[in-house]
C-alpha atoms as a PDB file:
ATOM      1  CA  MET A   1       0.000   0.000   0.000  1.00  0.00           C
ATOM      2  CA  ARG A   2       1.343   3.430  -0.891  1.00  0.00           C
ATOM      3  CA  TRP A   3       1.071   6.126   1.763  1.00  0.00           C
ATOM      4  CA  ASP A   4       3.248   8.880   0.337  1.00  0.00           C
ATOM      5  CA  ASN A   5       0.244  10.443  -1.390  1.00  0.00           C
ATOM      6  CA  LEU A   6      -1.873  10.750   1.744  1.00  0.00           C
ATOM      7  CA  ARG A   7      -2.090  14.348   2.832  1.00  0.00           C
ATOM      8  CA  LEU A   8      -4.285  16.483   5.067  1.00  0.00           C
ATOM      9  CA  THR A   9      -5.495  19.777   3.694  1.00  0.00           C
ATOM     10  CA  TYR A  10      -5.539  21.459   7.116  1.00  0.00           C
ATOM     11  CA  GLN A  11      -2.861  21.793   9.745  1.00  0.00           C
ATOM     12  CA  GLU A  12      -3.570  21.262  13.430  1.00  0.00           C
ATOM     13  CA  GLY A  13      -1.573  19.667  16.180  1.00  0.00           C
ATOM     14  CA  ALA A  14       2.044  18.734  15.565  1.00  0.00           C
ATOM     15  CA  PRO A  15       2.950  18.542  11.846  1.00  0.00           C
ATOM     16  CA  ALA A  16       4.501  15.170  11.116  1.00  0.00           C
ATOM     17  CA  GLU A  17       6.976  16.569   8.618  1.00  0.00           C
ATOM     18  CA  ASP A  18       8.737  18.402  11.445  1.00  0.00           C
ATOM     19  CA  ASP A  19       9.507  15.145  13.261  1.00  0.00           C
ATOM     20  CA  PRO A  20      12.386  13.124  11.751  1.00  0.00           C
ATOM     21  CA  THR A  21      11.285  10.015  13.661  1.00  0.00           C
ATOM     22  CA  VAL A  22       7.933   9.885  11.868  1.00  0.00           C
ATOM     23  CA  PRO A  23       7.759   7.244   9.098  1.00  0.00           C
ATOM     24  CA  LEU A  24       7.682   8.433   5.516  1.00  0.00           C
ATOM     25  CA  PHE A  25       4.005   7.600   4.992  1.00  0.00           C
ATOM     26  CA  ALA A  26       2.994  10.182   7.588  1.00  0.00           C
ATOM     27  CA  ARG A  27       4.934  13.159   6.255  1.00  0.00           C
ATOM     28  CA  GLY A  28       2.261  15.781   5.733  1.00  0.00           C
ATOM     29  CA  ALA A  29      -0.174  14.087   8.115  1.00  0.00           C
ATOM     30  CA  VAL A  30      -1.256  15.532  11.443  1.00  0.00           C
ATOM     31  CA  THR A  31       0.016  13.789  14.557  1.00  0.00           C
ATOM     32  CA  ARG A  32      -1.949  13.984  17.780  1.00  0.00           C
ATOM     33  CA  THR A  33      -1.610  12.841  21.347  1.00  0.00           C
ATOM     34  CA  PHE A  34      -4.402  13.196  23.891  1.00  0.00           C
ATOM     35  CA  ASP A  35      -3.800  13.902  27.562  1.00  0.00           C
ATOM     36  CA  THR A  36      -6.497  11.560  28.823  1.00  0.00           C
ATOM     37  CA  PRO A  37      -6.066   8.215  30.621  1.00  0.00           C
ATOM     38  CA  GLU A  38      -7.607   6.101  27.862  1.00  0.00           C
ATOM     39  CA  PHE A  39      -5.130   7.450  25.283  1.00  0.00           C
ATOM     40  CA  LYS A  40      -2.011   7.627  27.460  1.00  0.00           C
ATOM     41  CA  GLY A  41       1.113   6.734  25.496  1.00  0.00           C
ATOM     42  CA  MET A  42      -0.701   6.683  22.156  1.00  0.00           C
ATOM     43  CA  THR A  43      -0.069   8.698  18.995  1.00  0.00           C
ATOM     44  CA  PHE A  44      -2.600   9.190  16.212  1.00  0.00           C
ATOM     45  CA  TYR A  45      -1.607   9.927  12.623  1.00  0.00           C
ATOM     46  CA  GLU A  46      -4.518  11.590  10.845  1.00  0.00           C
ATOM     47  CA  ILE A  47      -4.348  11.053   7.115  1.00  0.00           C
ATOM     48  CA  ARG A  48      -6.601  11.474   4.101  1.00  0.00           C
ATOM     49  CA  ALA A  49      -6.906   8.154   2.281  1.00  0.00           C
ATOM     50  CA  ARG A  50      -7.423   7.943  -1.475  1.00  0.00           C
ATOM     51  CA  SER A  51      -9.971   5.123  -1.189  1.00  0.00           C
ATOM     52  CA  ILE A  52     -11.734   3.255   1.596  1.00  0.00           C
ATOM     53  CA  VAL A  53     -13.496   0.240   0.046  1.00  0.00           C
ATOM     54  CA  ASN A  54     -10.746  -2.348  -0.324  1.00  0.00           C
ATOM     55  CA  ARG A  55     -10.813  -5.504  -2.404  1.00  0.00           C
ATOM     56  CA  VAL A  56      -9.394  -8.543  -0.619  1.00  0.00           C
ATOM     57  CA  PRO A  57      -6.628 -10.396  -2.497  1.00  0.00           C
ATOM     58  CA  ALA A  58      -7.903 -13.507  -4.235  1.00  0.00           C
ATOM     59  CA  ALA A  59      -5.386 -15.682  -2.371  1.00  0.00           C
ATOM     60  CA  SER A  60      -6.852 -14.764   1.006  1.00  0.00           C
ATOM     61  CA  ARG A  61      -8.685 -17.432   3.026  1.00  0.00           C
ATOM     62  CA  VAL A  62     -11.425 -15.072   4.186  1.00  0.00           C
ATOM     63  CA  PRO A  63     -15.053 -15.583   3.046  1.00  0.00           C
ATOM     64  CA  PHE A  64     -15.612 -11.997   1.878  1.00  0.00           C
ATOM     65  CA  GLU A  65     -14.345  -9.894  -0.996  1.00  0.00           C
ATOM     66  CA  TYR A  66     -14.552  -6.272   0.171  1.00  0.00           C
ATOM     67  CA  THR A  67     -13.653  -4.493   3.399  1.00  0.00           C
ATOM     68  CA  ILE A  68     -13.627  -1.052   4.974  1.00  0.00           C
ATOM     69  CA  ASN A  69     -10.890  -0.331   7.523  1.00  0.00           C
ATOM     70  CA  PRO A  70     -10.936   3.209   8.950  1.00  0.00           C
ATOM     71  CA  TYR A  71      -7.944   2.531  11.222  1.00  0.00           C
ATOM     72  CA  ARG A  72      -4.521   0.870  11.038  1.00  0.00           C
ATOM     73  CA  GLY A  73      -2.947  -0.382  14.261  1.00  0.00           C
ATOM     74  CA  CYS A  74      -5.076  -1.230  17.283  1.00  0.00           C
ATOM     75  CA  SER A  75      -5.127  -0.207  20.929  1.00  0.00           C
ATOM     76  CA  HIS A  76      -6.689  -3.542  21.891  1.00  0.00           C
ATOM     77  CA  SER A  77      -3.051  -4.685  22.059  1.00  0.00           C
ATOM     78  CA  CYS A  78      -3.907  -8.365  21.572  1.00  0.00           C
ATOM     79  CA  ILE A  79      -0.532 -10.074  21.677  1.00  0.00           C
ATOM     80  CA  TYR A  80      -1.498 -12.648  19.050  1.00  0.00           C
ATOM     81  CA  CYS A  81      -3.080 -10.229  16.525  1.00  0.00           C
ATOM     82  CA  PHE A  82      -2.473 -11.493  12.977  1.00  0.00           C
ATOM     83  CA  ALA A  83      -2.580  -7.931  11.594  1.00  0.00           C
ATOM     84  CA  ARG A  84       0.637  -6.847  13.321  1.00  0.00           C
ATOM     85  CA  LYS A  85       2.761  -7.418  10.223  1.00  0.00           C
ATOM     86  CA  THR A  86       0.816  -4.751   8.315  1.00  0.00           C
ATOM     87  CA  HIS A  87       2.354  -2.020  10.479  1.00  0.00           C
ATOM     88  CA  GLU A  88       5.766  -2.856   9.058  1.00  0.00           C
ATOM     89  CA  TYR A  89       4.506  -1.718   5.644  1.00  0.00           C
ATOM     90  CA  LEU A  90       4.279   1.756   7.193  1.00  0.00           C
ATOM     91  CA  ASP A  91       7.864   1.770   8.528  1.00  0.00           C
ATOM     92  CA  LEU A  92       6.528   1.014  12.007  1.00  0.00           C
ATOM     93  CA  ASP A  93       7.193  -2.088  14.079  1.00  0.00           C
ATOM     94  CA  ALA A  94       4.744  -4.929  14.606  1.00  0.00           C
ATOM     95  CA  GLY A  95       5.021  -4.796  18.376  1.00  0.00           C
ATOM     96  CA  ALA A  96       4.625  -1.697  20.535  1.00  0.00           C
ATOM     97  CA  ASP A  97       4.064   0.587  17.526  1.00  0.00           C
ATOM     98  CA  PHE A  98       1.104  -1.492  16.388  1.00  0.00           C
ATOM     99  CA  ASP A  99      -0.474  -1.046  19.830  1.00  0.00           C
ATOM    100  CA  SER A 100       0.241   2.656  20.269  1.00  0.00           C
ATOM    101  CA  LYS A 101       0.667   4.363  16.866  1.00  0.00           C
ATOM    102  CA  ILE A 102      -2.730   4.393  15.195  1.00  0.00           C
ATOM    103  CA  ILE A 103      -3.426   5.514  11.637  1.00  0.00           C
ATOM    104  CA  VAL A 104      -6.763   7.347  11.395  1.00  0.00           C
ATOM    105  CA  LYS A 105      -8.333   7.793   7.956  1.00  0.00           C
ATOM    106  CA  VAL A 106     -10.192  10.966   8.824  1.00  0.00           C
ATOM    107  CA  ASN A 107     -12.025  11.115   5.498  1.00  0.00           C
ATOM    108  CA  ALA A 108     -13.277   7.519   5.695  1.00  0.00           C
ATOM    109  CA  ALA A 109     -16.970   8.420   5.915  1.00  0.00           C
ATOM    110  CA  GLU A 110     -16.986  10.835   2.988  1.00  0.00           C
ATOM    111  CA  LEU A 111     -15.017   8.355   0.879  1.00  0.00           C
ATOM    112  CA  ALA A 112     -17.452   5.566   1.747  1.00  0.00           C
ATOM    113  CA  ARG A 113     -20.416   7.652   0.637  1.00  0.00           C
ATOM    114  CA  LYS A 114     -18.672   8.627  -2.598  1.00  0.00           C
ATOM    115  CA  GLU A 115     -17.505   5.108  -3.489  1.00  0.00           C
ATOM    116  CA  LEU A 116     -20.808   3.427  -2.661  1.00  0.00           C
ATOM    117  CA  ALA A 117     -22.577   5.895  -4.969  1.00  0.00           C
ATOM    118  CA  SER A 118     -20.244   5.215  -7.878  1.00  0.00           C
ATOM    119  CA  PRO A 119     -21.887   3.600 -10.945  1.00  0.00           C
ATOM    120  CA  ARG A 120     -18.982   1.137 -10.944  1.00  0.00           C
ATOM    121  CA  TRP A 121     -19.826  -0.184  -7.482  1.00  0.00           C
ATOM    122  CA  GLY A 122     -21.789  -3.436  -7.563  1.00  0.00           C
ATOM    123  CA  GLY A 123     -23.405  -3.342  -4.119  1.00  0.00           C
ATOM    124  CA  HIS A 124     -21.264  -6.181  -2.789  1.00  0.00           C
ATOM    125  CA  HIS A 125     -21.192  -7.248   0.844  1.00  0.00           C
ATOM    126  CA  ILE A 126     -18.651  -5.266   2.879  1.00  0.00           C
ATOM    127  CA  ALA A 127     -16.952  -6.699   5.978  1.00  0.00           C
ATOM    128  CA  MET A 128     -15.622  -4.417   8.709  1.00  0.00           C
ATOM    129  CA  GLY A 129     -13.376  -5.110  11.682  1.00  0.00           C
ATOM    130  CA  THR A 130     -11.589  -7.922   9.881  1.00  0.00           C
ATOM    131  CA  ASN A 131      -8.103  -6.396   9.966  1.00  0.00           C
ATOM    132  CA  VAL A 132      -8.080  -4.242  13.089  1.00  0.00           C
ATOM    133  CA  ASP A 133     -11.110  -3.444  15.232  1.00  0.00           C
ATOM    134  CA  CYS A 134     -13.206  -0.598  13.849  1.00  0.00           C
ATOM    135  CA  TYR A 135     -14.604  -0.116  17.380  1.00  0.00           C
ATOM    136  CA  GLN A 136     -11.268   0.162  19.124  1.00  0.00           C
ATOM    137  CA  ARG A 137     -10.716   2.948  21.647  1.00  0.00           C
ATOM    138  CA  ALA A 138      -9.968   5.653  19.048  1.00  0.00           C
ATOM    139  CA  GLU A 139     -13.473   5.333  17.582  1.00  0.00           C
ATOM    140  CA  GLY A 140     -14.892   6.919  20.725  1.00  0.00           C
ATOM    141  CA  ARG A 141     -13.156  10.151  19.763  1.00  0.00           C
ATOM    142  CA  TYR A 142     -13.130  10.073  15.961  1.00  0.00           C
ATOM    143  CA  ARG A 143     -16.641   8.607  15.428  1.00  0.00           C
ATOM    144  CA  LEU A 144     -15.808   7.472  11.889  1.00  0.00           C
ATOM    145  CA  MET A 145     -18.125   4.465  12.007  1.00  0.00           C
ATOM    146  CA  ARG A 146     -21.273   6.550  12.333  1.00  0.00           C
ATOM    147  CA  GLY A 147     -20.606   8.217   9.010  1.00  0.00           C
ATOM    148  CA  ILE A 148     -19.655   4.922   7.388  1.00  0.00           C
ATOM    149  CA  LEU A 149     -22.787   3.179   8.674  1.00  0.00           C
ATOM    150  CA  ALA A 150     -24.976   6.057   7.510  1.00  0.00           C
ATOM    151  CA  ALA A 151     -23.457   5.765   4.028  1.00  0.00           C
ATOM    152  CA  LEU A 152     -24.058   2.002   3.960  1.00  0.00           C
ATOM    153  CA  ARG A 153     -27.638   2.488   5.146  1.00  0.00           C
ATOM    154  CA  ASP A 154     -28.367   5.150   2.549  1.00  0.00           C
ATOM    155  CA  ALA A 155     -26.923   2.926  -0.193  1.00  0.00           C
ATOM    156  CA  ALA A 156     -28.810  -0.116   1.159  1.00  0.00           C
ATOM    157  CA  ASN A 157     -25.489  -1.940   0.955  1.00  0.00           C
ATOM    158  CA  PRO A 158     -25.144  -5.241   2.878  1.00  0.00           C
ATOM    159  CA  PHE A 159     -22.428  -5.376   5.532  1.00  0.00           C
ATOM    160  CA  SER A 160     -21.119  -7.206   8.571  1.00  0.00           C
ATOM    161  CA  ILE A 161     -19.036  -6.162  11.570  1.00  0.00           C
ATOM    162  CA  LEU A 162     -16.577  -8.127  13.690  1.00  0.00           C
ATOM    163  CA  THR A 163     -15.553  -6.538  16.983  1.00  0.00           C
ATOM    164  CA  LYS A 164     -14.250  -7.026  20.486  1.00  0.00           C
ATOM    165  CA  GLY A 165     -15.572  -3.591  21.414  1.00  0.00           C
ATOM    166  CA  THR A 166     -18.713  -2.592  23.274  1.00  0.00           C
ATOM    167  CA  LEU A 167     -18.800   0.758  21.478  1.00  0.00           C
ATOM    168  CA  ILE A 168     -20.790  -0.830  18.671  1.00  0.00           C
ATOM    169  CA  LEU A 169     -23.862  -0.332  20.876  1.00  0.00           C
ATOM    170  CA  ARG A 170     -23.479   3.425  20.470  1.00  0.00           C
ATOM    171  CA  ASP A 171     -24.471   2.890  16.834  1.00  0.00           C
ATOM    172  CA  LEU A 172     -27.429   0.613  17.486  1.00  0.00           C
ATOM    173  CA  ASP A 173     -29.772   3.182  15.946  1.00  0.00           C
ATOM    174  CA  LEU A 174     -27.886   3.157  12.637  1.00  0.00           C
ATOM    175  CA  LEU A 175     -27.546  -0.623  12.649  1.00  0.00           C
ATOM    176  CA  THR A 176     -31.277  -1.140  13.053  1.00  0.00           C
ATOM    177  CA  GLU A 177     -32.073   1.487  10.424  1.00  0.00           C
ATOM    178  CA  ALA A 178     -29.699  -0.237   7.998  1.00  0.00           C
ATOM    179  CA  ALA A 179     -31.227  -3.636   8.822  1.00  0.00           C
ATOM    180  CA  ASP A 180     -34.578  -2.299   7.613  1.00  0.00           C
ATOM    181  CA  VAL A 181     -33.204  -1.848   4.090  1.00  0.00           C
ATOM    182  CA  THR A 182     -30.390  -4.382   3.691  1.00  0.00           C
ATOM    183  CA  GLU A 183     -28.676  -7.411   5.210  1.00  0.00           C
ATOM    184  CA  VAL A 184     -26.790  -6.552   8.411  1.00  0.00           C
ATOM    185  CA  SER A 185     -24.984  -8.976  10.710  1.00  0.00           C
ATOM    186  CA  ALA A 186     -22.347  -8.931  13.416  1.00  0.00           C
ATOM    187  CA  ASN A 187     -19.942 -11.163  15.264  1.00  0.00           C
ATOM    188  CA  VAL A 188     -18.195 -10.538  18.543  1.00  0.00           C
ATOM    189  CA  SER A 189     -14.817 -12.147  19.084  1.00  0.00           C
ATOM    190  CA  ALA A 190     -14.337 -14.126  22.300  1.00  0.00           C
ATOM    191  CA  GLY A 191     -11.970 -17.075  22.192  1.00  0.00           C
ATOM    192  CA  PHE A 192     -12.118 -17.744  25.923  1.00  0.00           C
ATOM    193  CA  VAL A 193     -13.719 -16.323  29.059  1.00  0.00           C
ATOM    194  CA  ASP A 194     -10.935 -16.819  31.604  1.00  0.00           C
ATOM    195  CA  PRO A 195     -10.335 -13.389  33.212  1.00  0.00           C
ATOM    196  CA  GLU A 196      -6.645 -13.948  33.952  1.00  0.00           C
ATOM    197  CA  MET A 197      -5.874 -14.983  30.385  1.00  0.00           C
ATOM    198  CA  TRP A 198      -7.909 -12.046  29.085  1.00  0.00           C
ATOM    199  CA  ARG A 199      -5.875  -9.550  31.105  1.00  0.00           C
ATOM    200  CA  ALA A 200      -2.644 -11.186  29.977  1.00  0.00           C
ATOM    201  CA  VAL A 201      -3.158 -11.364  26.208  1.00  0.00           C
ATOM    202  CA  GLU A 202      -5.946  -8.845  25.403  1.00  0.00           C
ATOM    203  CA  PRO A 203      -5.113  -5.963  27.769  1.00  0.00           C
ATOM    204  CA  GLY A 204      -6.838  -3.185  25.810  1.00  0.00           C
ATOM    205  CA  THR A 205     -10.186  -4.905  25.251  1.00  0.00           C
ATOM    206  CA  PRO A 206     -13.448  -5.063  27.193  1.00  0.00           C
ATOM    207  CA  ARG A 207     -13.698  -8.261  29.220  1.00  0.00           C
ATOM    208  CA  PRO A 208     -15.183 -11.270  27.373  1.00  0.00           C
ATOM    209  CA  SER A 209     -18.352 -11.240  29.491  1.00  0.00           C
ATOM    210  CA  ARG A 210     -19.064  -7.698  28.286  1.00  0.00           C
ATOM    211  CA  ARG A 211     -18.625  -8.755  24.669  1.00  0.00           C
ATOM    212  CA  LEU A 212     -21.142 -11.555  25.151  1.00  0.00           C
ATOM    213  CA  GLU A 213     -23.564  -9.036  26.629  1.00  0.00           C
ATOM    214  CA  VAL A 214     -23.113  -7.037  23.427  1.00  0.00           C
ATOM    215  CA  CYS A 215     -24.006 -10.169  21.454  1.00  0.00           C
ATOM    216  CA  ALA A 216     -27.212 -10.527  23.471  1.00  0.00           C
ATOM    217  CA  MET A 217     -28.135  -6.863  23.045  1.00  0.00           C
ATOM    218  CA  LEU A 218     -27.628  -6.938  19.283  1.00  0.00           C
ATOM    219  CA  ASN A 219     -29.760 -10.063  18.901  1.00  0.00           C
ATOM    220  CA  ASP A 220     -32.472  -8.590  21.107  1.00  0.00           C
ATOM    221  CA  ASN A 221     -32.610  -5.639  18.716  1.00  0.00           C
ATOM    222  CA  GLY A 222     -32.865  -7.767  15.587  1.00  0.00           C
ATOM    223  CA  ILE A 223     -29.210  -7.638  14.514  1.00  0.00           C
ATOM    224  CA  ALA A 224     -28.101 -11.230  13.976  1.00  0.00           C
ATOM    225  CA  CYS A 225     -24.936 -11.697  16.027  1.00  0.00           C
ATOM    226  CA  GLY A 226     -22.772 -14.764  16.467  1.00  0.00           C
ATOM    227  CA  VAL A 227     -19.472 -15.375  18.211  1.00  0.00           C
ATOM    228  CA  LEU A 228     -16.113 -15.927  16.606  1.00  0.00           C
ATOM    229  CA  MET A 229     -14.515 -18.157  19.246  1.00  0.00           C
ATOM    230  CA  ALA A 230     -11.044 -16.994  18.398  1.00  0.00           C
ATOM    231  CA  PRO A 231      -8.347 -17.508  19.030  1.00  0.00           C
ATOM    232  CA  ILE A 232      -8.289 -20.762  20.943  1.00  0.00           C
ATOM    233  CA  LEU A 233      -4.804 -20.815  22.459  1.00  0.00           C
ATOM    234  CA  PRO A 234      -3.056 -24.210  22.483  1.00  0.00           C
ATOM    235  CA  TYR A 235      -2.140 -25.406  25.992  1.00  0.00           C
ATOM    236  CA  LEU A 236      -3.608 -22.223  27.495  1.00  0.00           C
ATOM    237  CA  THR A 237      -7.347 -22.147  26.720  1.00  0.00           C
ATOM    238  CA  ASP A 238      -7.972 -25.471  24.971  1.00  0.00           C
ATOM    239  CA  SER A 239      -8.637 -27.888  27.848  1.00  0.00           C
ATOM    240  CA  PRO A 240     -12.029 -29.650  27.817  1.00  0.00           C
ATOM    241  CA  ALA A 241     -13.113 -27.700  30.907  1.00  0.00           C
ATOM    242  CA  GLN A 242     -12.106 -24.349  29.401  1.00  0.00           C
ATOM    243  CA  LEU A 243     -13.825 -25.068  26.100  1.00  0.00           C
ATOM    244  CA  GLU A 244     -16.981 -26.161  27.902  1.00  0.00           C
ATOM    245  CA  ARG A 245     -17.113 -23.030  30.028  1.00  0.00           C
ATOM    246  CA  THR A 246     -16.585 -20.760  27.034  1.00  0.00           C
ATOM    247  CA  VAL A 247     -19.186 -22.450  24.828  1.00  0.00           C
ATOM    248  CA  LYS A 248     -21.740 -22.458  27.647  1.00  0.00           C
ATOM    249  CA  GLU A 249     -21.360 -18.712  28.186  1.00  0.00           C
ATOM    250  CA  ILE A 250     -21.597 -18.140  24.438  1.00  0.00           C
ATOM    251  CA  ALA A 251     -24.816 -20.169  24.373  1.00  0.00           C
ATOM    252  CA  ASP A 252     -26.187 -18.181  27.291  1.00  0.00           C
ATOM    253  CA  SER A 253     -25.635 -14.986  25.301  1.00  0.00           C
ATOM    254  CA  GLY A 254     -28.076 -16.145  22.623  1.00  0.00           C
ATOM    255  CA  ALA A 255     -25.453 -16.191  19.886  1.00  0.00           C
ATOM    256  CA  THR A 256     -26.877 -17.192  16.515  1.00  0.00           C
ATOM    257  CA  HIS A 257     -23.810 -19.301  15.762  1.00  0.00           C
ATOM    258  CA  ILE A 258     -20.288 -20.076  16.929  1.00  0.00           C
ATOM    259  CA  ALA A 259     -17.145 -20.320  14.802  1.00  0.00           C
ATOM    260  CA  PRO A 260     -14.057 -21.732  16.554  1.00  0.00           C
ATOM    261  CA  ILE A 261     -10.640 -20.747  15.224  1.00  0.00           C
ATOM    262  CA  VAL A 262      -7.338 -21.992  16.608  1.00  0.00           C
ATOM    263  CA  LEU A 263      -4.535 -19.463  17.026  1.00  0.00           C
ATOM    264  CA  HIS A 264      -2.486 -18.864  13.902  1.00  0.00           C
ATOM    265  CA  LEU A 265       0.912 -17.182  14.017  1.00  0.00           C
ATOM    266  CA  ARG A 266       1.790 -15.200  10.940  1.00  0.00           C
ATOM    267  CA  PRO A 267       5.063 -13.262  10.710  1.00  0.00           C
ATOM    268  CA  GLY A 268       4.954 -10.254  12.995  1.00  0.00           C
ATOM    269  CA  ALA A 269       2.442 -11.802  15.339  1.00  0.00           C
ATOM    270  CA  ARG A 270       4.598 -14.914  15.642  1.00  0.00           C
ATOM    271  CA  GLU A 271       7.622 -13.064  17.007  1.00  0.00           C
ATOM    272  CA  TRP A 272       5.558 -10.897  19.369  1.00  0.00           C
ATOM    273  CA  TRP A 273       3.619 -13.914  20.691  1.00  0.00           C
ATOM    274  CA  LEU A 274       6.676 -16.131  21.169  1.00  0.00           C
ATOM    275  CA  GLY A 275       8.453 -13.310  22.980  1.00  0.00           C
ATOM    276  CA  TRP A 276       5.531 -13.013  25.396  1.00  0.00           C
ATOM    277  CA  LEU A 277       5.345 -16.783  25.766  1.00  0.00           C
ATOM    278  CA  SER A 278       9.054 -17.032  26.613  1.00  0.00           C
ATOM    279  CA  ARG A 279       8.562 -14.521  29.433  1.00  0.00           C
ATOM    280  CA  GLU A 280       5.278 -15.776  30.852  1.00  0.00           C
ATOM    281  CA  HIS A 281       5.163 -19.491  29.966  1.00  0.00           C
ATOM    282  CA  PRO A 282       8.695 -20.540  28.970  1.00  0.00           C
ATOM    283  CA  ARG A 283       7.900 -24.241  29.373  1.00  0.00           C
ATOM    284  CA  LEU A 284       5.435 -23.955  26.486  1.00  0.00           C
ATOM    285  CA  VAL A 285       7.896 -22.523  23.965  1.00  0.00           C
ATOM    286  CA  PRO A 286       9.197 -25.934  22.758  1.00  0.00           C
ATOM    287  CA  ARG A 287       5.628 -27.208  22.406  1.00  0.00           C
ATOM    288  CA  TYR A 288       4.661 -24.167  20.325  1.00  0.00           C
ATOM    289  CA  LEU A 289       7.729 -24.512  18.134  1.00  0.00           C
ATOM    290  CA  GLU A 290       6.726 -28.102  17.513  1.00  0.00           C
ATOM    291  CA  LEU A 291       3.085 -27.196  16.841  1.00  0.00           C
ATOM    292  CA  TYR A 292       3.877 -24.219  14.581  1.00  0.00           C
ATOM    293  CA  GLY A 293       7.251 -25.355  13.290  1.00  0.00           C
ATOM    294  CA  ARG A 294       6.075 -25.698   9.699  1.00  0.00           C
ATOM    295  CA  GLY A 295       4.111 -22.519   9.306  1.00  0.00           C
ATOM    296  CA  ALA A 296       1.503 -20.154  10.674  1.00  0.00           C
ATOM    297  CA  TYR A 297      -1.195 -22.767  11.320  1.00  0.00           C
ATOM    298  CA  ALA A 298      -1.441 -25.588  13.825  1.00  0.00           C
ATOM    299  CA  PRO A 299      -1.614 -29.104  12.329  1.00  0.00           C
ATOM    300  CA  LYS A 300      -4.947 -29.979  10.780  1.00  0.00           C
ATOM    301  CA  ALA A 301      -5.458 -32.897  13.156  1.00  0.00           C
ATOM    302  CA  TYR A 302      -5.245 -30.551  16.133  1.00  0.00           C
ATOM    303  CA  GLN A 303      -7.569 -27.993  14.521  1.00  0.00           C
ATOM    304  CA  GLN A 304     -10.114 -30.689  13.652  1.00  0.00           C
ATOM    305  CA  ARG A 305     -10.060 -32.076  17.186  1.00  0.00           C
ATOM    306  CA  ILE A 306     -10.755 -28.656  18.710  1.00  0.00           C
ATOM    307  CA  THR A 307     -13.440 -27.859  16.139  1.00  0.00           C
ATOM    308  CA  SER A 308     -15.188 -31.170  16.813  1.00  0.00           C
ATOM    309  CA  GLN A 309     -15.154 -30.557  20.553  1.00  0.00           C
ATOM    310  CA  VAL A 310     -16.633 -27.093  20.152  1.00  0.00           C
ATOM    311  CA  LYS A 311     -19.281 -28.369  17.738  1.00  0.00           C
ATOM    312  CA  GLU A 312     -20.395 -31.054  20.199  1.00  0.00           C
ATOM    313  CA  LEU A 313     -20.526 -28.536  23.038  1.00  0.00           C
ATOM    314  CA  ALA A 314     -22.484 -26.071  20.894  1.00  0.00           C
ATOM    315  CA  GLU A 315     -25.067 -28.738  20.143  1.00  0.00           C
ATOM    316  CA  ARG A 316     -25.300 -29.699  23.812  1.00  0.00           C
ATOM    317  CA  PHE A 317     -25.786 -26.128  25.020  1.00  0.00           C
ATOM    318  CA  GLY A 318     -28.062 -25.081  22.160  1.00  0.00           C
ATOM    319  CA  VAL A 319     -26.036 -22.438  20.368  1.00  0.00           C
ATOM    320  CA  GLY A 320     -28.124 -21.120  17.501  1.00  0.00           C
ATOM    321  CA  ARG A 321     -31.525 -22.016  18.914  1.00  0.00           C
ATOM    322  CA  ALA A 322     -32.184 -18.414  19.795  1.00  0.00           C
ATOM    323  CA  THR A 323     -32.976 -16.038  16.950  1.00  0.00           C
ATOM    324  CA  PRO A 324     -32.773 -12.250  16.726  1.00  0.00           C
ATOM    325  CA  ALA A 325     -35.948 -10.429  17.714  1.00  0.00           C
ATOM    326  CA  MET A 326     -38.192 -10.568  14.672  1.00  0.00           C
ATOM    327  CA  ALA A 327     -38.530  -7.123  13.136  1.00  0.00           C
ATOM    328  CA  ARG A 328     -37.285  -5.759  16.474  1.00  0.00           C
ATOM    329  CA  ARG A 329     -40.666  -6.389  18.130  1.00  0.00           C
ATOM    330  CA  LEU A 330     -39.075  -7.252  21.446  1.00  0.00           C
ATOM    331  CA  PRO A 331     -37.861  -4.379  23.641  1.00  0.00           C
ATOM    332  CA  PRO A 332     -34.097  -4.142  24.107  1.00  0.00           C
ATOM    333  CA  ARG A 333     -32.590  -5.481  27.293  1.00  0.00           C
ATOM    334  CA  PRO A 334     -32.142  -2.773  29.925  1.00  0.00           C
ATOM    335  CA  ALA A 335     -29.203  -4.513  31.591  1.00  0.00           C
ATOM    336  CA  LEU A 336     -26.414  -3.144  29.388  1.00  0.00           C
ATOM    337  CA  VAL A 337     -25.974   0.586  28.864  1.00  0.00           C
ATOM    338  CA  PRO A 338     -23.933   1.622  25.816  1.00  0.00           C
ATOM    339  CA  PRO A 339     -20.593   3.075  27.001  1.00  0.00           C
ATOM    340  CA  ALA A 340     -19.821   6.766  26.839  1.00  0.00           C
ATOM    341  CA  PRO A 341     -16.564   7.647  25.053  1.00  0.00           C
ATOM    342  CA  GLU A 342     -14.885   8.493  28.343  1.00  0.00           C
ATOM    343  CA  GLN A 343     -15.735   5.022  29.638  1.00  0.00           C
ATOM    344  CA  LEU A 344     -14.006   3.077  26.881  1.00  0.00           C
ATOM    345  CA  ARG A 345     -11.415   1.548  29.170  1.00  0.00           C
ATOM    346  CA  LEU A 346     -13.717  -1.305  30.132  1.00  0.00           C
ATOM    347  CA  LEU A 347     -11.049  -3.437  31.726  1.00  0.00           C
END
């Protein structure tokens, strides 16, 4: 991806071109830091992108063809995040920079409206949150998703959202309006529910129980929401007891479906994960090198065993028996209040 042509037409904050440590892509962008607890230690590079609807490479394994990603980098700081390598394309590192130096495409909403209205656009399904989370902490300040969702609604363009964030509930009004005119669905990501493991490997995210509450709220309001049970961490969250507990809580949330995915370690994420593992669980390093010695994915036999276990548990606990409220006739649950931007540190 080429970033040297991304420029802002206004100048506020600290100009990136005055800072020799700023990567080349950001020269001409606006850099910002915010003196608030939820953004401590973070830098935002505000850029104007040339396009926002991206076509996924044909070689990709994902089941969708088009995406919208208003951010690059992610404050969720998930140690295993497969997207870490993409930060290296920007002359940033895949570790701490990925967690703390966030690219913000400030013109994402206006680009979405323009591109969806183009005669060349075919109205294809668009997936969001598939690279980094579109409802990460920065969204509470920049509010790019509201403009994007309004554009999708007005174009009656089908879309889906994957998130670990509770901030999606802020946009429940736009989601339900869009669902009246097109196909809208969501998935929350929760690979495990153990609180200690959550704090260790997903330090910037809302706790898994909160994400499952989001799943329930979306379904209660007629937005079909399932759970991406990912990643399942070998030797850390894959015991029969851990899988059973996680699937049961997913079933209790009323998820429409469950999709288990075993951890995969692509370059960038691999080094960051193994570094963490060597510090926190050094005895597991040889077992991981054996499991992932031939590539980014665990052996198929292991993946199939975990998938079969989750499938059996899902059938036992009734995942998918609940359905979203038909035409939103049921009132929303009062138990979960959408978070205010200043409350985004739901740790």
